[in-house]
Amino acid sequence: MSLPPHPARPAPACTCAPTVPKASAPAGGGDPEGAAGRFGPTHALILLIAVLGLGTGLFLAGTELETVFALLGGCGAIGAATLTAAGGGRRLMGLFVEAAVRSGAGK
């Protein structure tokens, strides 16, 4: 069985990737929204399912419940620290301030 012949001319360039206009790109050449704008509800749902699956798997494997909570709490702390470092801490601080204001207002 032989392979099909290759075309004589090169394939056209892929145009499926969106291009960023030069006017909306930041001075550093990075993403216009920055690192803080990329974590959305879909990512939160994926993380929730992963944590629940990991906890269930550890419990079904015979790990003590205290150890499962300690491991998942450690993973959550590492994730929160990573998001804080990547976002400059502004979003996390905003959440803390909002929680303090709401608790002070009795909501």
N, C-alpha and C. Protein backbone atom coordinates (compact mmCIF):
# COMPACT_ATOMS: atom_id res chain seq x y z
N MET A 1 0.83 -1.16 0.00
CA MET A 1 0.00 0.00 0.00
C MET A 1 0.89 1.24 0.00
N SER A 2 0.65 2.14 -0.91
CA SER A 2 1.48 3.34 -1.00
C SER A 2 0.73 4.55 -0.45
N LEU A 3 1.48 5.53 -0.07
CA LEU A 3 0.91 6.76 0.47
C LEU A 3 0.40 7.63 -0.66
N PRO A 4 -0.62 8.46 -0.40
CA PRO A 4 -1.09 9.35 -1.45
C PRO A 4 -0.04 10.41 -1.78
N PRO A 5 -0.02 10.90 -3.00
CA PRO A 5 1.02 11.88 -3.37
C PRO A 5 0.79 13.21 -2.65
N HIS A 6 1.90 13.90 -2.37
CA HIS A 6 1.83 15.21 -1.74
C HIS A 6 1.49 16.26 -2.78
N PRO A 7 0.78 17.31 -2.40
CA PRO A 7 0.49 18.37 -3.38
C PRO A 7 1.77 19.09 -3.79
N ALA A 8 1.79 19.59 -5.00
CA ALA A 8 2.97 20.27 -5.53
C ALA A 8 3.17 21.64 -4.90
N ARG A 9 2.10 22.26 -4.46
CA ARG A 9 2.22 23.61 -3.86
C ARG A 9 2.01 23.52 -2.35
N PRO A 10 2.55 24.48 -1.57
CA PRO A 10 2.37 24.43 -0.11
C PRO A 10 0.92 24.74 0.27
N ALA A 11 0.53 24.25 1.41
CA ALA A 11 -0.83 24.46 1.91
C ALA A 11 -0.99 25.93 2.32
N PRO A 12 -2.21 26.47 2.21
CA PRO A 12 -2.41 27.86 2.63
C PRO A 12 -2.25 28.01 4.14
N ALA A 13 -1.91 29.21 4.56
CA ALA A 13 -1.71 29.49 5.98
C ALA A 13 -3.03 29.39 6.72
N CYS A 14 -2.99 28.93 7.95
CA CYS A 14 -4.19 28.80 8.78
C CYS A 14 -4.67 30.18 9.21
N THR A 15 -5.94 30.44 9.01
CA THR A 15 -6.51 31.72 9.41
C THR A 15 -7.49 31.56 10.56
N CYS A 16 -7.43 30.42 11.26
CA CYS A 16 -8.39 30.16 12.33
C CYS A 16 -8.04 30.89 13.63
N ALA A 17 -6.80 31.29 13.82
CA ALA A 17 -6.40 31.98 15.04
C ALA A 17 -6.80 33.44 14.95
N PRO A 18 -7.48 33.97 15.99
CA PRO A 18 -7.86 35.38 15.94
C PRO A 18 -6.63 36.27 16.07
N THR A 19 -6.66 37.37 15.39
CA THR A 19 -5.57 38.33 15.47
C THR A 19 -5.98 39.48 16.37
N VAL A 20 -5.04 40.00 17.15
CA VAL A 20 -5.30 41.11 18.04
C VAL A 20 -4.91 42.39 17.32
N PRO A 21 -5.84 43.33 17.19
CA PRO A 21 -5.46 44.60 16.57
C PRO A 21 -4.39 45.30 17.38
N LYS A 22 -3.50 45.99 16.72
CA LYS A 22 -2.40 46.66 17.40
C LYS A 22 -2.88 47.74 18.35
N ALA A 23 -4.02 48.38 18.08
CA ALA A 23 -4.51 49.46 18.94
C ALA A 23 -4.96 48.95 20.29
N SER A 24 -5.51 47.70 20.39
CA SER A 24 -6.01 47.21 21.66
C SER A 24 -4.96 46.43 22.45
N ALA A 25 -3.83 46.14 21.86
CA ALA A 25 -2.79 45.39 22.57
C ALA A 25 -2.08 46.32 23.55
N PRO A 26 -1.79 45.84 24.77
CA PRO A 26 -1.08 46.68 25.74
C PRO A 26 0.37 46.91 25.32
N ALA A 27 1.03 47.82 26.01
CA ALA A 27 2.39 48.20 25.65
C ALA A 27 3.35 47.03 25.79
N GLY A 28 3.10 46.12 26.76
CA GLY A 28 3.99 44.99 26.96
C GLY A 28 3.81 43.88 25.95
N GLY A 29 2.75 43.94 25.16
CA GLY A 29 2.51 42.91 24.17
C GLY A 29 1.77 41.71 24.71
N GLY A 30 1.26 41.77 25.95
CA GLY A 30 0.57 40.64 26.54
C GLY A 30 -0.92 40.66 26.26
N ASP A 31 -1.65 39.93 27.06
CA ASP A 31 -3.09 39.84 26.93
C ASP A 31 -3.74 41.15 27.37
N PRO A 32 -4.72 41.71 26.62
CA PRO A 32 -5.32 42.98 27.01
C PRO A 32 -6.01 42.93 28.37
N GLU A 33 -6.59 41.79 28.75
CA GLU A 33 -7.29 41.71 30.02
C GLU A 33 -6.35 41.41 31.18
N GLY A 34 -5.20 40.87 30.93
CA GLY A 34 -4.27 40.54 31.98
C GLY A 34 -4.57 39.18 32.58
N ALA A 35 -3.75 38.77 33.53
CA ALA A 35 -3.90 37.45 34.14
C ALA A 35 -5.15 37.34 34.99
N ALA A 36 -5.59 38.44 35.58
CA ALA A 36 -6.74 38.39 36.47
C ALA A 36 -8.05 38.15 35.72
N GLY A 37 -8.12 38.44 34.44
CA GLY A 37 -9.36 38.29 33.70
C GLY A 37 -9.57 36.91 33.11
N ARG A 38 -8.66 35.98 33.31
CA ARG A 38 -8.78 34.68 32.68
C ARG A 38 -9.44 33.63 33.55
N PHE A 39 -9.60 33.84 34.84
CA PHE A 39 -10.22 32.87 35.72
C PHE A 39 -11.72 33.15 35.77
N GLY A 40 -12.49 32.25 35.22
CA GLY A 40 -13.93 32.47 35.12
C GLY A 40 -14.73 31.38 35.79
N PRO A 41 -16.04 31.42 35.61
CA PRO A 41 -16.90 30.42 36.25
C PRO A 41 -16.65 29.00 35.75
N THR A 42 -16.25 28.86 34.52
CA THR A 42 -15.95 27.52 34.01
C THR A 42 -14.75 26.93 34.73
N HIS A 43 -13.73 27.75 34.95
CA HIS A 43 -12.56 27.27 35.68
C HIS A 43 -12.91 26.92 37.12
N ALA A 44 -13.77 27.72 37.74
CA ALA A 44 -14.18 27.44 39.11
C ALA A 44 -14.94 26.12 39.19
N LEU A 45 -15.80 25.86 38.22
CA LEU A 45 -16.55 24.60 38.20
C LEU A 45 -15.61 23.41 38.01
N ILE A 46 -14.63 23.55 37.14
CA ILE A 46 -13.67 22.47 36.92
C ILE A 46 -12.87 22.20 38.20
N LEU A 47 -12.45 23.26 38.89
CA LEU A 47 -11.71 23.08 40.14
C LEU A 47 -12.58 22.44 41.21
N LEU A 48 -13.85 22.83 41.28
CA LEU A 48 -14.76 22.24 42.26
C LEU A 48 -14.94 20.75 42.02
N ILE A 49 -15.14 20.37 40.77
CA ILE A 49 -15.30 18.95 40.44
C ILE A 49 -14.02 18.18 40.73
N ALA A 50 -12.86 18.78 40.43
CA ALA A 50 -11.59 18.10 40.69
C ALA A 50 -11.38 17.89 42.19
N VAL A 51 -11.69 18.90 43.00
CA VAL A 51 -11.50 18.78 44.46
C VAL A 51 -12.46 17.75 45.03
N LEU A 52 -13.72 17.78 44.59
CA LEU A 52 -14.68 16.79 45.08
C LEU A 52 -14.28 15.38 44.65
N GLY A 53 -13.82 15.22 43.42
CA GLY A 53 -13.38 13.91 42.95
C GLY A 53 -12.16 13.42 43.70
N LEU A 54 -11.20 14.31 43.95
CA LEU A 54 -10.00 13.92 44.68
C LEU A 54 -10.35 13.53 46.11
N GLY A 55 -11.19 14.31 46.77
CA GLY A 55 -11.59 13.99 48.14
C GLY A 55 -12.33 12.68 48.22
N THR A 56 -13.24 12.44 47.29
CA THR A 56 -13.99 11.19 47.27
C THR A 56 -13.06 10.01 47.02
N GLY A 57 -12.15 10.18 46.08
CA GLY A 57 -11.21 9.10 45.79
C GLY A 57 -10.32 8.76 46.98
N LEU A 58 -9.84 9.78 47.66
CA LEU A 58 -9.01 9.53 48.84
C LEU A 58 -9.80 8.85 49.95
N PHE A 59 -11.04 9.27 50.15
CA PHE A 59 -11.87 8.66 51.19
C PHE A 59 -12.19 7.21 50.86
N LEU A 60 -12.53 6.94 49.61
CA LEU A 60 -12.83 5.56 49.21
C LEU A 60 -11.60 4.67 49.25
N ALA A 61 -10.42 5.26 49.13
CA ALA A 61 -9.18 4.48 49.21
C ALA A 61 -8.80 4.14 50.64
N GLY A 62 -9.55 4.68 51.61
CA GLY A 62 -9.30 4.35 53.00
C GLY A 62 -8.54 5.41 53.77
N THR A 63 -8.34 6.58 53.20
CA THR A 63 -7.64 7.65 53.90
C THR A 63 -8.57 8.22 54.97
N GLU A 64 -8.02 8.54 56.13
CA GLU A 64 -8.84 9.11 57.21
C GLU A 64 -9.40 10.45 56.77
N LEU A 65 -10.58 10.76 57.28
CA LEU A 65 -11.28 11.98 56.86
C LEU A 65 -10.50 13.24 57.26
N GLU A 66 -9.84 13.22 58.41
CA GLU A 66 -9.05 14.38 58.84
C GLU A 66 -7.90 14.64 57.86
N THR A 67 -7.29 13.57 57.38
CA THR A 67 -6.18 13.69 56.44
C THR A 67 -6.67 14.21 55.09
N VAL A 68 -7.85 13.75 54.66
CA VAL A 68 -8.42 14.22 53.39
C VAL A 68 -8.67 15.72 53.47
N PHE A 69 -9.27 16.18 54.58
CA PHE A 69 -9.53 17.62 54.74
C PHE A 69 -8.24 18.42 54.79
N ALA A 70 -7.22 17.89 55.45
CA ALA A 70 -5.94 18.60 55.52
C ALA A 70 -5.30 18.71 54.14
N LEU A 71 -5.34 17.63 53.37
CA LEU A 71 -4.75 17.66 52.03
C LEU A 71 -5.51 18.62 51.11
N LEU A 72 -6.84 18.56 51.14
CA LEU A 72 -7.63 19.46 50.28
C LEU A 72 -7.50 20.91 50.72
N GLY A 73 -7.40 21.14 52.02
CA GLY A 73 -7.18 22.50 52.51
C GLY A 73 -5.83 23.04 52.08
N GLY A 74 -4.82 22.20 52.09
CA GLY A 74 -3.50 22.61 51.62
C GLY A 74 -3.51 22.93 50.14
N CYS A 75 -4.22 22.11 49.35
CA CYS A 75 -4.33 22.39 47.91
C CYS A 75 -5.06 23.71 47.67
N GLY A 76 -6.10 23.97 48.45
CA GLY A 76 -6.83 25.23 48.32
C GLY A 76 -5.97 26.42 48.69
N ALA A 77 -5.17 26.28 49.73
CA ALA A 77 -4.29 27.38 50.15
C ALA A 77 -3.23 27.67 49.08
N ILE A 78 -2.69 26.62 48.48
CA ILE A 78 -1.70 26.82 47.41
C ILE A 78 -2.36 27.49 46.21
N GLY A 79 -3.57 27.07 45.86
CA GLY A 79 -4.29 27.69 44.75
C GLY A 79 -4.60 29.14 45.01
N ALA A 80 -5.05 29.47 46.23
CA ALA A 80 -5.36 30.85 46.56
C ALA A 80 -4.10 31.72 46.53
N ALA A 81 -2.99 31.18 47.02
CA ALA A 81 -1.74 31.94 46.99
C ALA A 81 -1.27 32.18 45.56
N THR A 82 -1.46 31.18 44.70
CA THR A 82 -1.06 31.33 43.30
C THR A 82 -1.90 32.39 42.60
N LEU A 83 -3.21 32.35 42.81
CA LEU A 83 -4.08 33.36 42.20
C LEU A 83 -3.79 34.75 42.74
N THR A 84 -3.48 34.83 44.02
CA THR A 84 -3.15 36.13 44.61
C THR A 84 -1.86 36.68 44.01
N ALA A 85 -0.86 35.84 43.87
CA ALA A 85 0.41 36.29 43.31
C ALA A 85 0.25 36.68 41.84
N ALA A 86 -0.55 35.92 41.09
CA ALA A 86 -0.71 36.20 39.67
C ALA A 86 -1.54 37.46 39.43
N GLY A 87 -2.51 37.71 40.28
CA GLY A 87 -3.39 38.87 40.09
C GLY A 87 -2.93 40.10 40.84
N GLY A 88 -1.80 40.04 41.49
CA GLY A 88 -1.32 41.18 42.23
C GLY A 88 -2.03 41.36 43.57
N GLY A 89 -2.92 40.47 43.93
CA GLY A 89 -3.60 40.55 45.21
C GLY A 89 -4.80 41.47 45.24
N ARG A 90 -5.06 42.20 44.16
CA ARG A 90 -6.15 43.16 44.16
C ARG A 90 -7.51 42.50 44.23
N ARG A 91 -7.70 41.43 43.47
CA ARG A 91 -9.02 40.77 43.45
C ARG A 91 -9.31 40.11 44.79
N LEU A 92 -8.31 39.43 45.37
CA LEU A 92 -8.52 38.77 46.65
C LEU A 92 -8.78 39.79 47.74
N MET A 93 -8.05 40.89 47.72
CA MET A 93 -8.28 41.94 48.72
C MET A 93 -9.68 42.53 48.56
N GLY A 94 -10.11 42.68 47.31
CA GLY A 94 -11.47 43.18 47.06
C GLY A 94 -12.53 42.25 47.63
N LEU A 95 -12.30 40.94 47.53
CA LEU A 95 -13.24 39.97 48.10
C LEU A 95 -13.28 40.07 49.62
N PHE A 96 -12.12 40.23 50.24
CA PHE A 96 -12.08 40.36 51.70
C PHE A 96 -12.79 41.64 52.15
N VAL A 97 -12.56 42.73 51.45
CA VAL A 97 -13.21 44.00 51.82
C VAL A 97 -14.72 43.89 51.64
N GLU A 98 -15.14 43.28 50.55
CA GLU A 98 -16.58 43.13 50.31
C GLU A 98 -17.22 42.25 51.40
N ALA A 99 -16.54 41.17 51.77
CA ALA A 99 -17.07 40.30 52.83
C ALA A 99 -17.15 41.03 54.15
N ALA A 100 -16.15 41.86 54.45
CA ALA A 100 -16.17 42.61 55.71
C ALA A 100 -17.30 43.63 55.71
N VAL A 101 -17.51 44.31 54.60
CA VAL A 101 -18.57 45.31 54.51
C VAL A 101 -19.94 44.63 54.65
N ARG A 102 -20.12 43.51 53.97
CA ARG A 102 -21.41 42.80 54.05
C ARG A 102 -21.67 42.27 55.45
N SER A 103 -20.64 41.75 56.11
CA SER A 103 -20.85 41.24 57.46
C SER A 103 -21.13 42.38 58.44
N GLY A 104 -20.51 43.55 58.19
CA GLY A 104 -20.78 44.70 59.04
C GLY A 104 -22.18 45.27 58.82
N ALA A 105 -22.72 45.08 57.61
CA ALA A 105 -24.07 45.57 57.31
C ALA A 105 -25.13 44.57 57.73
N GLY A 106 -24.73 43.39 58.17
CA GLY A 106 -25.69 42.39 58.64
C GLY A 106 -26.27 41.54 57.56
N LYS A 107 -25.65 41.48 56.37
CA LYS A 107 -26.21 40.67 55.28
C LYS A 107 -25.66 39.28 55.31
